[in-house]
């Protein structure tokens, strides 16, 4: 139960950090006049995948379950994004 709570807390923290960065992105958008939504979605997705992999010590099957996607979908995203193997424990 604690690990599930820790994961939710970690994902929520990541989400809040992304929301905060969006307000900073608004400033960049105003200054630069451009904003690449696909790139921002890609960056966010990579952060979520890395967080799930860290929480599961690199277990892709469990990470996919946490993220609510199929294992093959997660594996393809890891490959396409070039995410390296993660086998660390996070407290």
PDB file of N, CA and C in Angstrom:
ATOM      1  N   UNK A   1       0.821  -1.200   0.000  1.00  0.00           N
ATOM      2  CA  UNK A   1       0.000   0.000   0.000  1.00  0.00           C
ATOM      3  C   UNK A   1       0.858   1.253   0.000  1.00  0.00           C
ATOM      4  N   UNK A   2       1.942   1.241   0.809  1.00  0.00           N
ATOM      5  CA  UNK A   2       2.815   2.402   0.878  1.00  0.00           C
ATOM      6  C   UNK A   2       3.482   2.687  -0.451  1.00  0.00           C
ATOM      7  N   UNK A   3       3.879   1.633  -1.182  1.00  0.00           N
ATOM      8  CA  UNK A   3       4.540   1.851  -2.467  1.00  0.00           C
ATOM      9  C   UNK A   3       3.570   2.470  -3.465  1.00  0.00           C
ATOM     10  N   UNK A   4       2.296   2.075  -3.412  1.00  0.00           N
ATOM     11  CA  UNK A   4       1.291   2.673  -4.284  1.00  0.00           C
ATOM     12  C   UNK A   4       1.086   4.137  -3.951  1.00  0.00           C
ATOM     13  N   UNK A   5       1.048   4.432  -2.668  1.00  0.00           N
ATOM     14  CA  UNK A   5       0.905   5.821  -2.242  1.00  0.00           C
ATOM     15  C   UNK A   5       2.125   6.634  -2.657  1.00  0.00           C
ATOM     16  N   UNK A   6       3.308   6.056  -2.511  1.00  0.00           N
ATOM     17  CA  UNK A   6       4.539   6.738  -2.898  1.00  0.00           C
ATOM     18  C   UNK A   6       4.555   7.033  -4.388  1.00  0.00           C
ATOM     19  N   UNK A   7       4.088   6.085  -5.184  1.00  0.00           N
ATOM     20  CA  UNK A   7       4.050   6.288  -6.629  1.00  0.00           C
ATOM     21  C   UNK A   7       3.096   7.410  -6.984  1.00  0.00           C
ATOM     22  N   UNK A   8       1.907   7.388  -6.393  1.00  0.00           N
ATOM     23  CA  UNK A   8       0.922   8.438  -6.667  1.00  0.00           C
ATOM     24  C   UNK A   8       1.485   9.795  -6.257  1.00  0.00           C
ATOM     25  N   UNK A   9       2.140   9.842  -5.104  1.00  0.00           N
ATOM     26  CA  UNK A   9       2.746  11.087  -4.636  1.00  0.00           C
ATOM     27  C   UNK A   9       3.817  11.558  -5.609  1.00  0.00           C
ATOM     28  N   UNK A  10       4.647  10.636  -6.076  1.00  0.00           N
ATOM     29  CA  UNK A  10       5.710  10.979  -7.016  1.00  0.00           C
ATOM     30  C   UNK A  10       5.142  11.475  -8.346  1.00  0.00           C
ATOM     31  N   UNK A  11       4.125  10.767  -8.854  1.00  0.00           N
ATOM     32  CA  UNK A  11       3.506  11.195 -10.109  1.00  0.00           C
ATOM     33  C   UNK A  11       2.813  12.548  -9.951  1.00  0.00           C
ATOM     34  N   UNK A  12       2.165  12.761  -8.813  1.00  0.00           N
ATOM     35  CA  UNK A  12       1.512  14.045  -8.567  1.00  0.00           C
ATOM     36  C   UNK A  12       2.540  15.168  -8.499  1.00  0.00           C
ATOM     37  N   UNK A  13       3.673  14.889  -7.851  1.00  0.00           N
ATOM     38  CA  UNK A  13       4.736  15.887  -7.770  1.00  0.00           C
ATOM     39  C   UNK A  13       5.267  16.215  -9.155  1.00  0.00           C
ATOM     40  N   UNK A  14       5.446  15.183  -9.975  1.00  0.00           N
ATOM     41  CA  UNK A  14       5.903  15.395 -11.347  1.00  0.00           C
ATOM     42  C   UNK A  14       4.894  16.217 -12.125  1.00  0.00           C
ATOM     43  N   UNK A  15       3.602  15.888 -11.961  1.00  0.00           N
ATOM     44  CA  UNK A  15       2.556  16.644 -12.640  1.00  0.00           C
ATOM     45  C   UNK A  15       2.544  18.108 -12.214  1.00  0.00           C
ATOM     46  N   UNK A  16       2.661  18.352 -10.919  1.00  0.00           N
ATOM     47  CA  UNK A  16       2.674  19.732 -10.422  1.00  0.00           C
ATOM     48  C   UNK A  16       3.880  20.497 -10.939  1.00  0.00           C
ATOM     49  N   UNK A  17       5.030  19.837 -11.009  1.00  0.00           N
ATOM     50  CA  UNK A  17       6.226  20.486 -11.551  1.00  0.00           C
ATOM     51  C   UNK A  17       6.009  20.843 -13.016  1.00  0.00           C
ATOM     52  N   UNK A  18       5.353  19.959 -13.743  1.00  0.00           N
ATOM     53  CA  UNK A  18       5.063  20.236 -15.152  1.00  0.00           C
ATOM     54  C   UNK A  18       4.090  21.404 -15.295  1.00  0.00           C
ATOM     55  N   UNK A  19       3.095  21.448 -14.427  1.00  0.00           N
ATOM     56  CA  UNK A  19       2.136  22.554 -14.470  1.00  0.00           C
ATOM     57  C   UNK A  19       2.846  23.872 -14.185  1.00  0.00           C
ATOM     58  N   UNK A  20       3.740  23.864 -13.192  1.00  0.00           N
ATOM     59  CA  UNK A  20       4.524  25.062 -12.903  1.00  0.00           C
ATOM     60  C   UNK A  20       5.370  25.463 -14.095  1.00  0.00           C
ATOM     61  N   UNK A  21       5.960  24.482 -14.765  1.00  0.00           N
ATOM     62  CA  UNK A  21       6.811  24.807 -15.909  1.00  0.00           C
ATOM     63  C   UNK A  21       5.981  25.339 -17.078  1.00  0.00           C
ATOM     64  N   UNK A  22       4.695  24.967 -17.128  1.00  0.00           N
ATOM     65  CA  UNK A  22       3.841  25.479 -18.193  1.00  0.00           C
ATOM     66  C   UNK A  22       3.673  26.990 -18.072  1.00  0.00           C
ATOM     67  N   UNK A  23       3.548  27.493 -16.844  1.00  0.00           N
ATOM     68  CA  UNK A  23       3.424  28.943 -16.691  1.00  0.00           C
ATOM     69  C   UNK A  23       4.713  29.617 -17.132  1.00  0.00           C
ATOM     70  N   UNK A  24       5.861  28.967 -16.892  1.00  0.00           N
ATOM     71  CA  UNK A  24       7.124  29.496 -17.388  1.00  0.00           C
ATOM     72  C   UNK A  24       7.162  29.409 -18.906  1.00  0.00           C
ATOM     73  N   UNK A  25       6.572  28.356 -19.462  1.00  0.00           N
ATOM     74  CA  UNK A  25       6.526  28.193 -20.912  1.00  0.00           C
ATOM     75  C   UNK A  25       5.694  29.296 -21.552  1.00  0.00           C
ATOM     76  N   UNK A  26       4.653  29.752 -20.842  1.00  0.00           N
ATOM     77  CA  UNK A  26       3.851  30.857 -21.364  1.00  0.00           C
ATOM     78  C   UNK A  26       4.719  32.082 -21.594  1.00  0.00           C
ATOM     79  N   UNK A  27       5.645  32.341 -20.661  1.00  0.00           N
ATOM     80  CA  UNK A  27       6.548  33.480 -20.816  1.00  0.00           C
ATOM     81  C   UNK A  27       7.432  33.287 -22.037  1.00  0.00           C
ATOM     82  N   UNK A  28       7.925  32.066 -22.219  1.00  0.00           N
ATOM     83  CA  UNK A  28       8.765  31.764 -23.373  1.00  0.00           C
ATOM     84  C   UNK A  28       7.958  31.917 -24.653  1.00  0.00           C
ATOM     85  N   UNK A  29       6.704  31.444 -24.634  1.00  0.00           N
ATOM     86  CA  UNK A  29       5.829  31.556 -25.792  1.00  0.00           C
ATOM     87  C   UNK A  29       5.645  33.009 -26.187  1.00  0.00           C
ATOM     88  N   UNK A  30       5.410  33.859 -25.206  1.00  0.00           N
ATOM     89  CA  UNK A  30       5.222  35.277 -25.475  1.00  0.00           C
ATOM     90  C   UNK A  30       6.498  35.884 -26.056  1.00  0.00           C
ATOM     91  N   UNK A  31       7.641  35.495 -25.488  1.00  0.00           N
ATOM     92  CA  UNK A  31       8.907  36.041 -25.947  1.00  0.00           C
ATOM     93  C   UNK A  31       9.301  35.517 -27.326  1.00  0.00           C
ATOM     94  N   UNK A  32       9.122  34.228 -27.564  1.00  0.00           N
ATOM     95  CA  UNK A  32       9.573  33.614 -28.811  1.00  0.00           C
ATOM     96  C   UNK A  32       8.501  33.564 -29.894  1.00  0.00           C
ATOM     97  N   UNK A  33       7.251  33.621 -29.504  1.00  0.00           N
ATOM     98  CA  UNK A  33       6.176  33.574 -30.471  1.00  0.00           C
ATOM     99  C   UNK A  33       5.914  32.178 -31.025  1.00  0.00           C
ATOM    100  N   UNK A  34       6.519  31.135 -30.441  1.00  0.00           N
ATOM    101  CA  UNK A  34       6.263  29.776 -30.911  1.00  0.00           C
ATOM    102  C   UNK A  34       6.242  28.811 -29.729  1.00  0.00           C
ATOM    103  N   UNK A  35       5.565  27.686 -29.945  1.00  0.00           N
ATOM    104  CA  UNK A  35       5.429  26.706 -28.882  1.00  0.00           C
ATOM    105  C   UNK A  35       5.153  25.373 -29.543  1.00  0.00           C
ATOM    106  N   UNK A  36       5.991  24.386 -29.287  1.00  0.00           N
ATOM    107  CA  UNK A  36       5.843  23.074 -29.911  1.00  0.00           C
ATOM    108  C   UNK A  36       5.150  22.126 -28.944  1.00  0.00           C
ATOM    109  N   UNK A  37       3.850  21.949 -29.122  1.00  0.00           N
ATOM    110  CA  UNK A  37       3.067  21.101 -28.238  1.00  0.00           C
ATOM    111  C   UNK A  37       3.578  19.668 -28.244  1.00  0.00           C
ATOM    112  N   UNK A  38       3.901  19.143 -29.416  1.00  0.00           N
ATOM    113  CA  UNK A  38       4.392  17.768 -29.504  1.00  0.00           C
ATOM    114  C   UNK A  38       5.653  17.572 -28.683  1.00  0.00           C
ATOM    115  N   UNK A  39       6.546  18.534 -28.703  1.00  0.00           N
ATOM    116  CA  UNK A  39       7.790  18.431 -27.932  1.00  0.00           C
ATOM    117  C   UNK A  39       7.507  18.468 -26.435  1.00  0.00           C
ATOM    118  N   UNK A  40       6.592  19.313 -26.008  1.00  0.00           N
ATOM    119  CA  UNK A  40       6.240  19.382 -24.587  1.00  0.00           C
ATOM    120  C   UNK A  40       5.572  18.096 -24.117  1.00  0.00           C
ATOM    121  N   UNK A  41       4.698  17.526 -24.935  1.00  0.00           N
ATOM    122  CA  UNK A  41       4.046  16.261 -24.598  1.00  0.00           C
ATOM    123  C   UNK A  41       5.098  15.165 -24.512  1.00  0.00           C
ATOM    124  N   UNK A  42       6.044  15.149 -25.443  1.00  0.00           N
ATOM    125  CA  UNK A  42       7.130  14.169 -25.456  1.00  0.00           C
ATOM    126  C   UNK A  42       7.946  14.267 -24.163  1.00  0.00           C
ATOM    127  N   UNK A  43       8.333  15.480 -23.783  1.00  0.00           N
ATOM    128  CA  UNK A  43       9.117  15.693 -22.559  1.00  0.00           C
ATOM    129  C   UNK A  43       8.357  15.206 -21.323  1.00  0.00           C
ATOM    130  N   UNK A  44       7.080  15.521 -21.262  1.00  0.00           N
ATOM    131  CA  UNK A  44       6.257  15.123 -20.122  1.00  0.00           C
ATOM    132  C   UNK A  44       6.118  13.603 -20.055  1.00  0.00           C
ATOM    133  N   UNK A  45       5.895  12.990 -21.219  1.00  0.00           N
ATOM    134  CA  UNK A  45       5.748  11.538 -21.283  1.00  0.00           C
ATOM    135  C   UNK A  45       7.039  10.838 -20.842  1.00  0.00           C
ATOM    136  N   UNK A  46       8.171  11.360 -21.257  1.00  0.00           N
ATOM    137  CA  UNK A  46       9.458  10.788 -20.854  1.00  0.00           C
ATOM    138  C   UNK A  46       9.624  10.865 -19.338  1.00  0.00           C
ATOM    139  N   UNK A  47       9.261  11.999 -18.753  1.00  0.00           N
ATOM    140  CA  UNK A  47       9.370  12.143 -17.291  1.00  0.00           C
ATOM    141  C   UNK A  47       8.470  11.150 -16.568  1.00  0.00           C
ATOM    142  N   UNK A  48       7.245  10.972 -17.045  1.00  0.00           N
ATOM    143  CA  UNK A  48       6.330  10.023 -16.414  1.00  0.00           C
ATOM    144  C   UNK A  48       6.844   8.591 -16.537  1.00  0.00           C
ATOM    145  N   UNK A  49       7.354   8.236 -17.712  1.00  0.00           N
ATOM    146  CA  UNK A  49       7.875   6.883 -17.922  1.00  0.00           C
ATOM    147  C   UNK A  49       9.082   6.638 -17.023  1.00  0.00           C
ATOM    148  N   UNK A  50       9.988   7.607 -16.957  1.00  0.00           N
ATOM    149  CA  UNK A  50      11.162   7.447 -16.091  1.00  0.00           C
ATOM    150  C   UNK A  50      10.757   7.297 -14.624  1.00  0.00           C
ATOM    151  N   UNK A  51       9.777   8.074 -14.186  1.00  0.00           N
ATOM    152  CA  UNK A  51       9.303   7.985 -12.806  1.00  0.00           C
ATOM    153  C   UNK A  51       8.729   6.602 -12.527  1.00  0.00           C
ATOM    154  N   UNK A  52       7.913   6.104 -13.440  1.00  0.00           N
ATOM    155  CA  UNK A  52       7.322   4.772 -13.261  1.00  0.00           C
ATOM    156  C   UNK A  52       8.406   3.696 -13.255  1.00  0.00           C
ATOM    157  N   UNK A  53       9.396   3.823 -14.132  1.00  0.00           N
ATOM    158  CA  UNK A  53      10.487   2.841 -14.169  1.00  0.00           C
ATOM    159  C   UNK A  53      11.334   2.895 -12.907  1.00  0.00           C
ATOM    160  N   UNK A  54      11.555   4.097 -12.395  1.00  0.00           N
ATOM    161  CA  UNK A  54      12.311   4.216 -11.149  1.00  0.00           C
ATOM    162  C   UNK A  54      11.546   3.547 -10.007  1.00  0.00           C
ATOM    163  N   UNK A  55      10.257   3.793  -9.955  1.00  0.00           N
ATOM    164  CA  UNK A  55       9.445   3.230  -8.879  1.00  0.00           C
ATOM    165  C   UNK A  55       9.368   1.712  -8.947  1.00  0.00           C
ATOM    166  N   UNK A  56       9.466   1.147 -10.145  1.00  0.00           N
ATOM    167  CA  UNK A  56       9.366  -0.298 -10.316  1.00  0.00           C
ATOM    168  C   UNK A  56      10.735  -0.949 -10.506  1.00  0.00           C
ATOM    169  N   UNK A  57      11.779  -0.176 -10.253  1.00  0.00           N
ATOM    170  CA  UNK A  57      13.161  -0.664 -10.393  1.00  0.00           C
ATOM    171  C   UNK A  57      13.429  -1.239 -11.772  1.00  0.00           C
ATOM    172  N   UNK A  58      12.853  -0.593 -12.793  1.00  0.00           N
ATOM    173  CA  UNK A  58      13.094  -0.993 -14.173  1.00  0.00           C
ATOM    174  C   UNK A  58      12.171  -2.065 -14.707  1.00  0.00           C
ATOM    175  N   UNK A  59      11.220  -2.525 -13.903  1.00  0.00           N
ATOM    176  CA  UNK A  59      10.297  -3.565 -14.345  1.00  0.00           C
ATOM    177  C   UNK A  59       9.250  -2.933 -15.275  1.00  0.00           C
ATOM    178  N   UNK A  60       9.394  -3.210 -16.578  1.00  0.00           N
ATOM    179  CA  UNK A  60       8.517  -2.583 -17.563  1.00  0.00           C
ATOM    180  C   UNK A  60       7.066  -3.040 -17.443  1.00  0.00           C
ATOM    181  N   UNK A  61       6.860  -4.281 -17.068  1.00  0.00           N
ATOM    182  CA  UNK A  61       5.488  -4.790 -16.927  1.00  0.00           C
ATOM    183  C   UNK A  61       4.756  -4.028 -15.815  1.00  0.00           C
ATOM    184  N   UNK A  62       5.411  -3.859 -14.682  1.00  0.00           N
ATOM    185  CA  UNK A  62       4.795  -3.121 -13.565  1.00  0.00           C
ATOM    186  C   UNK A  62       4.668  -1.633 -13.896  1.00  0.00           C
ATOM    187  N   UNK A  63       5.673  -1.079 -14.571  1.00  0.00           N
ATOM    188  CA  UNK A  63       5.611   0.338 -14.956  1.00  0.00           C
ATOM    189  C   UNK A  63       4.439   0.580 -15.903  1.00  0.00           C
ATOM    190  N   UNK A  64       4.249  -0.323 -16.847  1.00  0.00           N
ATOM    191  CA  UNK A  64       3.127  -0.194 -17.784  1.00  0.00           C
ATOM    192  C   UNK A  64       1.804  -0.223 -17.032  1.00  0.00           C
ATOM    193  N   UNK A  65       1.716  -1.107 -16.052  1.00  0.00           N
ATOM    194  CA  UNK A  65       0.502  -1.189 -15.249  1.00  0.00           C
ATOM    195  C   UNK A  65       0.257   0.119 -14.489  1.00  0.00           C
ATOM    196  N   UNK A  66       1.312   0.667 -13.909  1.00  0.00           N
ATOM    197  CA  UNK A  66       1.174   1.933 -13.181  1.00  0.00           C
ATOM    198  C   UNK A  66       0.719   3.071 -14.098  1.00  0.00           C
ATOM    199  N   UNK A  67       1.218   3.048 -15.322  1.00  0.00           N
ATOM    200  CA  UNK A  67       0.893   4.111 -16.269  1.00  0.00           C
ATOM    201  C   UNK A  67      -0.424   3.874 -17.006  1.00  0.00           C
ATOM    202  N   UNK A  68      -0.970   2.663 -16.855  1.00  0.00           N
ATOM    203  CA  UNK A  68      -2.243   2.355 -17.511  1.00  0.00           C
ATOM    204  C   UNK A  68      -2.109   2.131 -19.007  1.00  0.00           C
ATOM    205  N   UNK A  69      -0.960   1.592 -19.443  1.00  0.00           N
ATOM    206  CA  UNK A  69      -0.755   1.291 -20.859  1.00  0.00           C
ATOM    207  C   UNK A  69      -0.329  -0.163 -21.010  1.00  0.00           C
ATOM    208  N   UNK A  70      -0.405  -0.674 -22.219  1.00  0.00           N
ATOM    209  CA  UNK A  70       0.051  -2.030 -22.496  1.00  0.00           C
ATOM    210  C   UNK A  70       1.576  -2.062 -22.438  1.00  0.00           C
ATOM    211  N   UNK A  71       2.113  -3.227 -22.114  1.00  0.00           N
ATOM    212  CA  UNK A  71       3.571  -3.395 -22.032  1.00  0.00           C
ATOM    213  C   UNK A  71       4.211  -3.080 -23.383  1.00  0.00           C
ATOM    214  N   UNK A  72       3.583  -3.511 -24.462  1.00  0.00           N
ATOM    215  CA  UNK A  72       4.149  -3.249 -25.790  1.00  0.00           C
ATOM    216  C   UNK A  72       4.172  -1.755 -26.104  1.00  0.00           C
ATOM    217  N   UNK A  73       3.148  -1.044 -25.660  1.00  0.00           N
ATOM    218  CA  UNK A  73       3.111   0.405 -25.859  1.00  0.00           C
ATOM    219  C   UNK A  73       4.254   1.066 -25.099  1.00  0.00           C
ATOM    220  N   UNK A  74       4.425   0.678 -23.842  1.00  0.00           N
ATOM    221  CA  UNK A  74       5.510   1.233 -23.040  1.00  0.00           C
ATOM    222  C   UNK A  74       6.863   0.903 -23.660  1.00  0.00           C
ATOM    223  N   UNK A  75       7.043  -0.362 -24.060  1.00  0.00           N
ATOM    224  CA  UNK A  75       8.313  -0.772 -24.660  1.00  0.00           C
ATOM    225  C   UNK A  75       8.615   0.065 -25.909  1.00  0.00           C
ATOM    226  N   UNK A  76       7.605   0.284 -26.754  1.00  0.00           N
ATOM    227  CA  UNK A  76       7.802   1.094 -27.964  1.00  0.00           C
ATOM    228  C   UNK A  76       8.159   2.533 -27.627  1.00  0.00           C
ATOM    229  N   UNK A  77       7.515   3.097 -26.609  1.00  0.00           N
ATOM    230  CA  UNK A  77       7.829   4.472 -26.215  1.00  0.00           C
ATOM    231  C   UNK A  77       9.254   4.568 -25.667  1.00  0.00           C
ATOM    232  N   UNK A  78       9.657   3.571 -24.865  1.00  0.00           N
ATOM    233  CA  UNK A  78      11.018   3.545 -24.333  1.00  0.00           C
ATOM    234  C   UNK A  78      12.026   3.502 -25.482  1.00  0.00           C
ATOM    235  N   UNK A  79      11.747   2.669 -26.454  1.00  0.00           N
ATOM    236  CA  UNK A  79      12.631   2.540 -27.615  1.00  0.00           C
ATOM    237  C   UNK A  79      12.644   3.827 -28.451  1.00  0.00           C
ATOM    238  N   UNK A  80      11.458   4.359 -28.743  1.00  0.00           N
ATOM    239  CA  UNK A  80      11.364   5.566 -29.575  1.00  0.00           C
ATOM    240  C   UNK A  80      11.983   6.789 -28.906  1.00  0.00           C
ATOM    241  N   UNK A  81      11.822   6.899 -27.595  1.00  0.00           N
ATOM    242  CA  UNK A  81      12.366   8.040 -26.869  1.00  0.00           C
ATOM    243  C   UNK A  81      13.819   7.835 -26.454  1.00  0.00           C
ATOM    244  N   UNK A  82      14.318   6.618 -26.624  1.00  0.00           N
ATOM    245  CA  UNK A  82      15.705   6.337 -26.258  1.00  0.00           C
ATOM    246  C   UNK A  82      15.942   6.390 -24.756  1.00  0.00           C
ATOM    247  N   UNK A  83      14.962   5.947 -23.988  1.00  0.00           N
ATOM    248  CA  UNK A  83      15.080   5.946 -22.534  1.00  0.00           C
ATOM    249  C   UNK A  83      15.970   4.753 -22.131  1.00  0.00           C
ATOM    250  N   UNK A  84      17.012   5.043 -21.388  1.00  0.00           N
ATOM    251  CA  UNK A  84      17.927   3.974 -20.977  1.00  0.00           C
ATOM    252  C   UNK A  84      17.315   3.145 -19.865  1.00  0.00           C
ATOM    253  N   UNK A  85      17.859   1.954 -19.688  1.00  0.00           N
ATOM    254  CA  UNK A  85      17.383   1.026 -18.667  1.00  0.00           C
ATOM    255  C   UNK A  85      17.571   1.630 -17.277  1.00  0.00           C
ATOM    256  N   UNK A  86      16.519   1.565 -16.470  1.00  0.00           N
ATOM    257  CA  UNK A  86      16.539   2.126 -15.120  1.00  0.00           C
ATOM    258  C   UNK A  86      16.295   0.996 -14.136  1.00  0.00           C
ATOM    259  N   UNK A  87      17.238   0.807 -13.223  1.00  0.00           N
ATOM    260  CA  UNK A  87      17.094  -0.261 -12.235  1.00  0.00           C
ATOM    261  C   UNK A  87      17.457   0.235 -10.846  1.00  0.00           C
ATOM    262  N   UNK A  88      17.043   1.430 -10.519  1.00  0.00           N
ATOM    263  CA  UNK A  88      17.338   2.012  -9.222  1.00  0.00           C
ATOM    264  C   UNK A  88      16.087   2.040  -8.371  1.00  0.00           C
ATOM    265  N   UNK A  89      16.269   1.982  -7.081  1.00  0.00           N
ATOM    266  CA  UNK A  89      15.146   2.104  -6.151  1.00  0.00           C
ATOM    267  C   UNK A  89      15.028   3.550  -5.718  1.00  0.00           C
ATOM    268  N   UNK A  90      13.810   4.039  -5.621  1.00  0.00           N
ATOM    269  CA  UNK A  90      13.568   5.397  -5.152  1.00  0.00           C
ATOM    270  C   UNK A  90      12.780   5.313  -3.867  1.00  0.00           C
ATOM    271  N   UNK A  91      13.224   6.020  -2.863  1.00  0.00           N
ATOM    272  CA  UNK A  91      12.525   6.026  -1.567  1.00  0.00           C
ATOM    273  C   UNK A  91      11.502   7.123  -1.525  1.00  0.00           C
TER     274      UNK A  91
END
